Amino acid sequence: MPEGEGGHTTATHARAAGARPRVVVTARADEDELVLRVSDTGPGLGPRDAEAVFERGWSTRGPGRGLGLALVRQAAHRGRGTVEAAQGPYGGAEFTVRLPLRITEVDT
């Protein structure tokens, strides 16, 4: 399993730095879209990891893990939405899920 460039989970990083880990979750909806955003105070993601984190098996914790974000992306795509990873405002990673609230096209 590939190891992320960040190298540590949020909790591990925060304990090592003596700081308390922080996770911020926000939700916003307008007429057309629901936006869910999760940011943390961890070490963040390396540039190559922003896409890799969504692959099944990607984990900084070793084999047998790395399924959660793959499932998030799958669920978002099934809902005709998107999910992105980026550097967050608190120094860690930020994940943004966008889901349409109005679907105009019907699958046949």
N, C-alpha and C. Protein backbone atom coordinates (compact mmCIF):
# COMPACT_ATOMS: atom_id res chain seq x y z
N MET A 1 0.84 -1.17 0.00
CA MET A 1 0.00 0.00 0.00
C MET A 1 0.89 1.24 0.00
N PRO A 2 0.56 2.22 -0.82
CA PRO A 2 1.38 3.42 -0.85
C PRO A 2 1.27 4.20 0.45
N GLU A 3 2.35 4.82 0.83
CA GLU A 3 2.32 5.67 2.01
C GLU A 3 2.23 7.11 1.57
N GLY A 4 1.44 7.88 2.27
CA GLY A 4 1.25 9.29 1.92
C GLY A 4 2.47 10.11 2.26
N GLU A 5 2.66 11.19 1.54
CA GLU A 5 3.78 12.07 1.81
C GLU A 5 3.62 12.76 3.15
N GLY A 6 2.35 12.94 3.60
CA GLY A 6 2.13 13.56 4.90
C GLY A 6 2.71 12.70 6.00
N GLY A 7 2.62 11.37 5.86
CA GLY A 7 3.30 10.45 6.74
C GLY A 7 2.63 10.16 8.06
N HIS A 8 1.70 10.97 8.54
CA HIS A 8 1.08 10.74 9.83
C HIS A 8 -0.40 11.09 9.76
N THR A 9 -1.14 10.49 10.64
CA THR A 9 -2.54 10.88 10.75
C THR A 9 -2.63 12.15 11.57
N THR A 10 -3.77 12.79 11.55
CA THR A 10 -3.97 14.03 12.29
C THR A 10 -3.68 13.85 13.77
N ALA A 11 -4.23 12.82 14.37
CA ALA A 11 -4.06 12.60 15.81
C ALA A 11 -2.60 12.34 16.16
N THR A 12 -1.90 11.56 15.35
CA THR A 12 -0.50 11.27 15.61
C THR A 12 0.32 12.54 15.53
N HIS A 13 0.09 13.33 14.51
CA HIS A 13 0.82 14.59 14.33
C HIS A 13 0.56 15.53 15.50
N ALA A 14 -0.68 15.66 15.89
CA ALA A 14 -1.03 16.58 16.98
C ALA A 14 -0.40 16.14 18.30
N ARG A 15 -0.41 14.83 18.57
CA ARG A 15 0.20 14.35 19.81
C ARG A 15 1.69 14.64 19.82
N ALA A 16 2.35 14.43 18.67
CA ALA A 16 3.79 14.66 18.59
C ALA A 16 4.11 16.13 18.80
N ALA A 17 3.26 17.01 18.34
CA ALA A 17 3.49 18.45 18.48
C ALA A 17 2.98 18.96 19.82
N GLY A 18 2.30 18.14 20.59
CA GLY A 18 1.76 18.55 21.87
C GLY A 18 0.47 19.34 21.75
N ALA A 19 -0.05 19.45 20.55
CA ALA A 19 -1.29 20.20 20.32
C ALA A 19 -2.48 19.25 20.28
N ARG A 20 -3.61 19.80 20.54
CA ARG A 20 -4.84 19.02 20.47
C ARG A 20 -5.32 18.99 19.02
N PRO A 21 -5.63 17.81 18.47
CA PRO A 21 -6.09 17.73 17.08
C PRO A 21 -7.43 18.43 16.92
N ARG A 22 -7.64 18.98 15.75
CA ARG A 22 -8.88 19.70 15.49
C ARG A 22 -9.42 19.28 14.13
N VAL A 23 -10.72 18.99 14.08
CA VAL A 23 -11.41 18.69 12.84
C VAL A 23 -12.60 19.63 12.76
N VAL A 24 -12.75 20.30 11.63
CA VAL A 24 -13.85 21.24 11.42
C VAL A 24 -14.70 20.72 10.26
N VAL A 25 -15.99 20.57 10.52
CA VAL A 25 -16.93 20.10 9.50
C VAL A 25 -17.93 21.22 9.22
N THR A 26 -18.10 21.55 7.95
CA THR A 26 -19.08 22.56 7.58
C THR A 26 -20.00 22.01 6.50
N ALA A 27 -21.22 22.49 6.48
CA ALA A 27 -22.19 22.12 5.46
C ALA A 27 -22.90 23.39 5.01
N ARG A 28 -23.10 23.49 3.71
CA ARG A 28 -23.79 24.64 3.15
C ARG A 28 -24.65 24.17 2.00
N ALA A 29 -25.85 24.67 1.90
CA ALA A 29 -26.73 24.32 0.80
C ALA A 29 -27.31 25.59 0.21
N ASP A 30 -27.42 25.61 -1.10
CA ASP A 30 -28.16 26.66 -1.76
C ASP A 30 -29.22 25.98 -2.61
N GLU A 31 -29.76 26.65 -3.58
CA GLU A 31 -30.83 26.05 -4.38
C GLU A 31 -30.38 24.85 -5.19
N ASP A 32 -29.13 24.83 -5.61
CA ASP A 32 -28.67 23.82 -6.54
C ASP A 32 -27.66 22.81 -5.99
N GLU A 33 -27.01 23.13 -4.86
CA GLU A 33 -25.87 22.31 -4.46
C GLU A 33 -25.73 22.23 -2.94
N LEU A 34 -25.31 21.05 -2.49
CA LEU A 34 -24.93 20.84 -1.10
C LEU A 34 -23.41 20.71 -1.07
N VAL A 35 -22.76 21.48 -0.20
CA VAL A 35 -21.30 21.42 -0.08
C VAL A 35 -20.97 21.00 1.35
N LEU A 36 -20.25 19.89 1.47
CA LEU A 36 -19.77 19.38 2.75
C LEU A 36 -18.25 19.51 2.74
N ARG A 37 -17.70 20.09 3.82
CA ARG A 37 -16.26 20.30 3.87
C ARG A 37 -15.73 19.83 5.22
N VAL A 38 -14.64 19.05 5.18
CA VAL A 38 -13.99 18.57 6.40
C VAL A 38 -12.53 19.00 6.33
N SER A 39 -12.09 19.75 7.34
CA SER A 39 -10.70 20.23 7.41
C SER A 39 -10.11 19.77 8.74
N ASP A 40 -8.79 19.58 8.77
CA ASP A 40 -8.15 19.20 10.03
C ASP A 40 -6.83 19.93 10.22
N THR A 41 -6.23 19.72 11.38
CA THR A 41 -4.97 20.36 11.73
C THR A 41 -3.77 19.44 11.58
N GLY A 42 -3.96 18.36 10.84
CA GLY A 42 -2.87 17.40 10.65
C GLY A 42 -1.79 17.91 9.72
N PRO A 43 -0.92 17.03 9.28
CA PRO A 43 0.21 17.42 8.44
C PRO A 43 -0.17 17.74 7.00
N GLY A 44 -1.41 17.49 6.63
CA GLY A 44 -1.84 17.78 5.26
C GLY A 44 -1.46 16.68 4.30
N LEU A 45 -1.63 16.98 3.02
CA LEU A 45 -1.34 16.01 1.96
C LEU A 45 -0.21 16.53 1.10
N GLY A 46 0.62 15.62 0.65
CA GLY A 46 1.63 15.99 -0.33
C GLY A 46 0.96 16.20 -1.68
N PRO A 47 1.62 16.90 -2.60
CA PRO A 47 1.02 17.20 -3.90
C PRO A 47 0.58 15.95 -4.67
N ARG A 48 1.34 14.89 -4.57
CA ARG A 48 0.98 13.66 -5.29
C ARG A 48 -0.13 12.88 -4.61
N ASP A 49 -0.42 13.19 -3.36
CA ASP A 49 -1.42 12.42 -2.61
C ASP A 49 -2.85 12.92 -2.79
N ALA A 50 -3.04 14.11 -3.35
CA ALA A 50 -4.38 14.68 -3.45
C ALA A 50 -5.33 13.78 -4.24
N GLU A 51 -4.84 13.06 -5.23
CA GLU A 51 -5.67 12.10 -5.97
C GLU A 51 -5.53 10.70 -5.39
N ALA A 52 -4.32 10.34 -4.97
CA ALA A 52 -4.04 8.99 -4.50
C ALA A 52 -4.86 8.61 -3.26
N VAL A 53 -5.22 9.58 -2.41
CA VAL A 53 -5.95 9.27 -1.18
C VAL A 53 -7.30 8.62 -1.46
N PHE A 54 -7.82 8.78 -2.69
CA PHE A 54 -9.12 8.21 -3.04
C PHE A 54 -9.03 6.80 -3.60
N GLU A 55 -7.82 6.27 -3.74
CA GLU A 55 -7.63 4.91 -4.24
C GLU A 55 -7.84 3.91 -3.11
N ARG A 56 -8.49 2.81 -3.42
CA ARG A 56 -8.66 1.75 -2.41
C ARG A 56 -7.28 1.27 -1.98
N GLY A 57 -7.09 1.19 -0.67
CA GLY A 57 -5.84 0.70 -0.14
C GLY A 57 -4.83 1.77 0.22
N TRP A 58 -5.06 3.02 -0.20
CA TRP A 58 -4.12 4.09 0.16
C TRP A 58 -4.27 4.38 1.64
N SER A 59 -3.16 4.35 2.36
CA SER A 59 -3.20 4.59 3.79
C SER A 59 -1.82 4.94 4.30
N THR A 60 -1.79 5.74 5.35
CA THR A 60 -0.53 5.98 6.05
C THR A 60 -0.41 5.02 7.23
N ARG A 61 -1.43 4.18 7.44
CA ARG A 61 -1.47 3.29 8.60
C ARG A 61 -1.15 1.84 8.28
N GLY A 62 -0.78 1.53 7.07
CA GLY A 62 -0.40 0.16 6.74
C GLY A 62 -1.48 -0.61 6.00
N PRO A 63 -1.18 -1.88 5.70
CA PRO A 63 -2.08 -2.72 4.90
C PRO A 63 -3.43 -2.96 5.59
N GLY A 64 -4.42 -3.23 4.76
CA GLY A 64 -5.75 -3.57 5.28
C GLY A 64 -6.60 -2.36 5.61
N ARG A 65 -6.16 -1.21 5.23
CA ARG A 65 -6.90 0.04 5.51
C ARG A 65 -7.10 0.79 4.20
N GLY A 66 -7.50 2.02 4.30
CA GLY A 66 -7.58 2.86 3.10
C GLY A 66 -8.81 2.62 2.26
N LEU A 67 -9.94 2.43 2.89
CA LEU A 67 -11.17 2.20 2.14
C LEU A 67 -12.12 3.39 2.23
N GLY A 68 -12.07 4.14 3.30
CA GLY A 68 -13.05 5.19 3.58
C GLY A 68 -13.18 6.24 2.51
N LEU A 69 -12.08 6.85 2.07
CA LEU A 69 -12.16 7.91 1.08
C LEU A 69 -12.53 7.38 -0.30
N ALA A 70 -12.17 6.13 -0.59
CA ALA A 70 -12.60 5.51 -1.85
C ALA A 70 -14.13 5.39 -1.85
N LEU A 71 -14.70 5.04 -0.71
CA LEU A 71 -16.16 4.93 -0.62
C LEU A 71 -16.83 6.30 -0.68
N VAL A 72 -16.21 7.31 -0.10
CA VAL A 72 -16.75 8.67 -0.18
C VAL A 72 -16.83 9.11 -1.64
N ARG A 73 -15.75 8.90 -2.38
CA ARG A 73 -15.75 9.28 -3.80
C ARG A 73 -16.80 8.51 -4.58
N GLN A 74 -16.91 7.21 -4.32
CA GLN A 74 -17.90 6.39 -5.01
C GLN A 74 -19.32 6.90 -4.73
N ALA A 75 -19.62 7.20 -3.49
CA ALA A 75 -20.95 7.71 -3.13
C ALA A 75 -21.21 9.07 -3.77
N ALA A 76 -20.21 9.94 -3.76
CA ALA A 76 -20.38 11.25 -4.39
C ALA A 76 -20.66 11.12 -5.88
N HIS A 77 -19.91 10.26 -6.56
CA HIS A 77 -20.12 10.07 -7.99
C HIS A 77 -21.49 9.47 -8.28
N ARG A 78 -21.94 8.55 -7.45
CA ARG A 78 -23.28 7.99 -7.65
C ARG A 78 -24.36 9.05 -7.49
N GLY A 79 -24.10 10.04 -6.67
CA GLY A 79 -25.04 11.14 -6.51
C GLY A 79 -24.77 12.28 -7.48
N ARG A 80 -23.96 11.98 -8.52
CA ARG A 80 -23.58 12.97 -9.54
C ARG A 80 -22.83 14.16 -8.97
N GLY A 81 -22.07 13.88 -7.91
CA GLY A 81 -21.29 14.93 -7.27
C GLY A 81 -19.80 14.72 -7.45
N THR A 82 -19.05 15.50 -6.71
CA THR A 82 -17.58 15.43 -6.77
C THR A 82 -17.02 15.45 -5.36
N VAL A 83 -15.78 15.01 -5.25
CA VAL A 83 -15.05 15.14 -3.99
C VAL A 83 -13.61 15.50 -4.34
N GLU A 84 -13.07 16.45 -3.60
CA GLU A 84 -11.70 16.92 -3.85
C GLU A 84 -10.92 16.98 -2.55
N ALA A 85 -9.63 16.82 -2.66
CA ALA A 85 -8.72 16.97 -1.52
C ALA A 85 -7.78 18.12 -1.81
N ALA A 86 -7.49 18.90 -0.78
CA ALA A 86 -6.59 20.04 -0.93
C ALA A 86 -5.96 20.35 0.42
N GLN A 87 -5.05 21.30 0.42
CA GLN A 87 -4.48 21.80 1.67
C GLN A 87 -5.54 22.66 2.33
N GLY A 88 -5.80 22.44 3.60
CA GLY A 88 -6.85 23.17 4.30
C GLY A 88 -6.38 24.43 4.97
N PRO A 89 -7.30 25.23 5.45
CA PRO A 89 -6.97 26.50 6.08
C PRO A 89 -6.30 26.36 7.45
N TYR A 90 -6.35 25.17 8.05
CA TYR A 90 -5.76 24.95 9.37
C TYR A 90 -4.43 24.22 9.29
N GLY A 91 -3.89 24.10 8.08
CA GLY A 91 -2.59 23.47 7.89
C GLY A 91 -2.65 22.02 7.51
N GLY A 92 -3.78 21.38 7.73
CA GLY A 92 -3.95 19.97 7.38
C GLY A 92 -4.65 19.80 6.06
N ALA A 93 -5.28 18.66 5.90
CA ALA A 93 -6.02 18.36 4.68
C ALA A 93 -7.42 18.95 4.75
N GLU A 94 -7.99 19.16 3.57
CA GLU A 94 -9.38 19.59 3.49
C GLU A 94 -10.04 18.78 2.38
N PHE A 95 -11.19 18.18 2.70
CA PHE A 95 -11.94 17.40 1.74
C PHE A 95 -13.27 18.10 1.50
N THR A 96 -13.61 18.30 0.23
CA THR A 96 -14.84 18.98 -0.13
C THR A 96 -15.68 18.08 -1.01
N VAL A 97 -16.92 17.83 -0.57
CA VAL A 97 -17.88 17.04 -1.34
C VAL A 97 -18.95 18.00 -1.84
N ARG A 98 -19.23 17.94 -3.13
CA ARG A 98 -20.29 18.75 -3.73
C ARG A 98 -21.32 17.83 -4.35
N LEU A 99 -22.56 18.01 -3.94
CA LEU A 99 -23.65 17.18 -4.45
C LEU A 99 -24.75 18.07 -5.01
N PRO A 100 -25.21 17.76 -6.21
CA PRO A 100 -26.30 18.55 -6.77
C PRO A 100 -27.60 18.26 -6.01
N LEU A 101 -28.38 19.29 -5.78
CA LEU A 101 -29.67 19.10 -5.12
C LEU A 101 -30.80 18.96 -6.14
N ARG A 102 -30.52 19.36 -7.35
CA ARG A 102 -31.49 19.22 -8.44
C ARG A 102 -30.82 18.47 -9.57
N ILE A 103 -31.35 17.32 -9.89
CA ILE A 103 -30.81 16.53 -11.00
C ILE A 103 -31.75 16.72 -12.18
N THR A 104 -31.21 17.27 -13.27
CA THR A 104 -32.04 17.58 -14.42
C THR A 104 -32.03 16.48 -15.46
N GLU A 105 -31.04 15.62 -15.43
CA GLU A 105 -30.89 14.57 -16.41
C GLU A 105 -31.23 13.22 -15.77
N VAL A 106 -31.95 12.39 -16.50
CA VAL A 106 -32.34 11.08 -15.97
C VAL A 106 -31.60 10.00 -16.76
N ASP A 107 -30.98 9.05 -16.04
CA ASP A 107 -30.32 7.92 -16.70
C ASP A 107 -31.37 7.00 -17.29
N THR A 108 -31.08 6.48 -18.48
CA THR A 108 -32.02 5.52 -19.11
C THR A 108 -31.37 4.19 -19.26
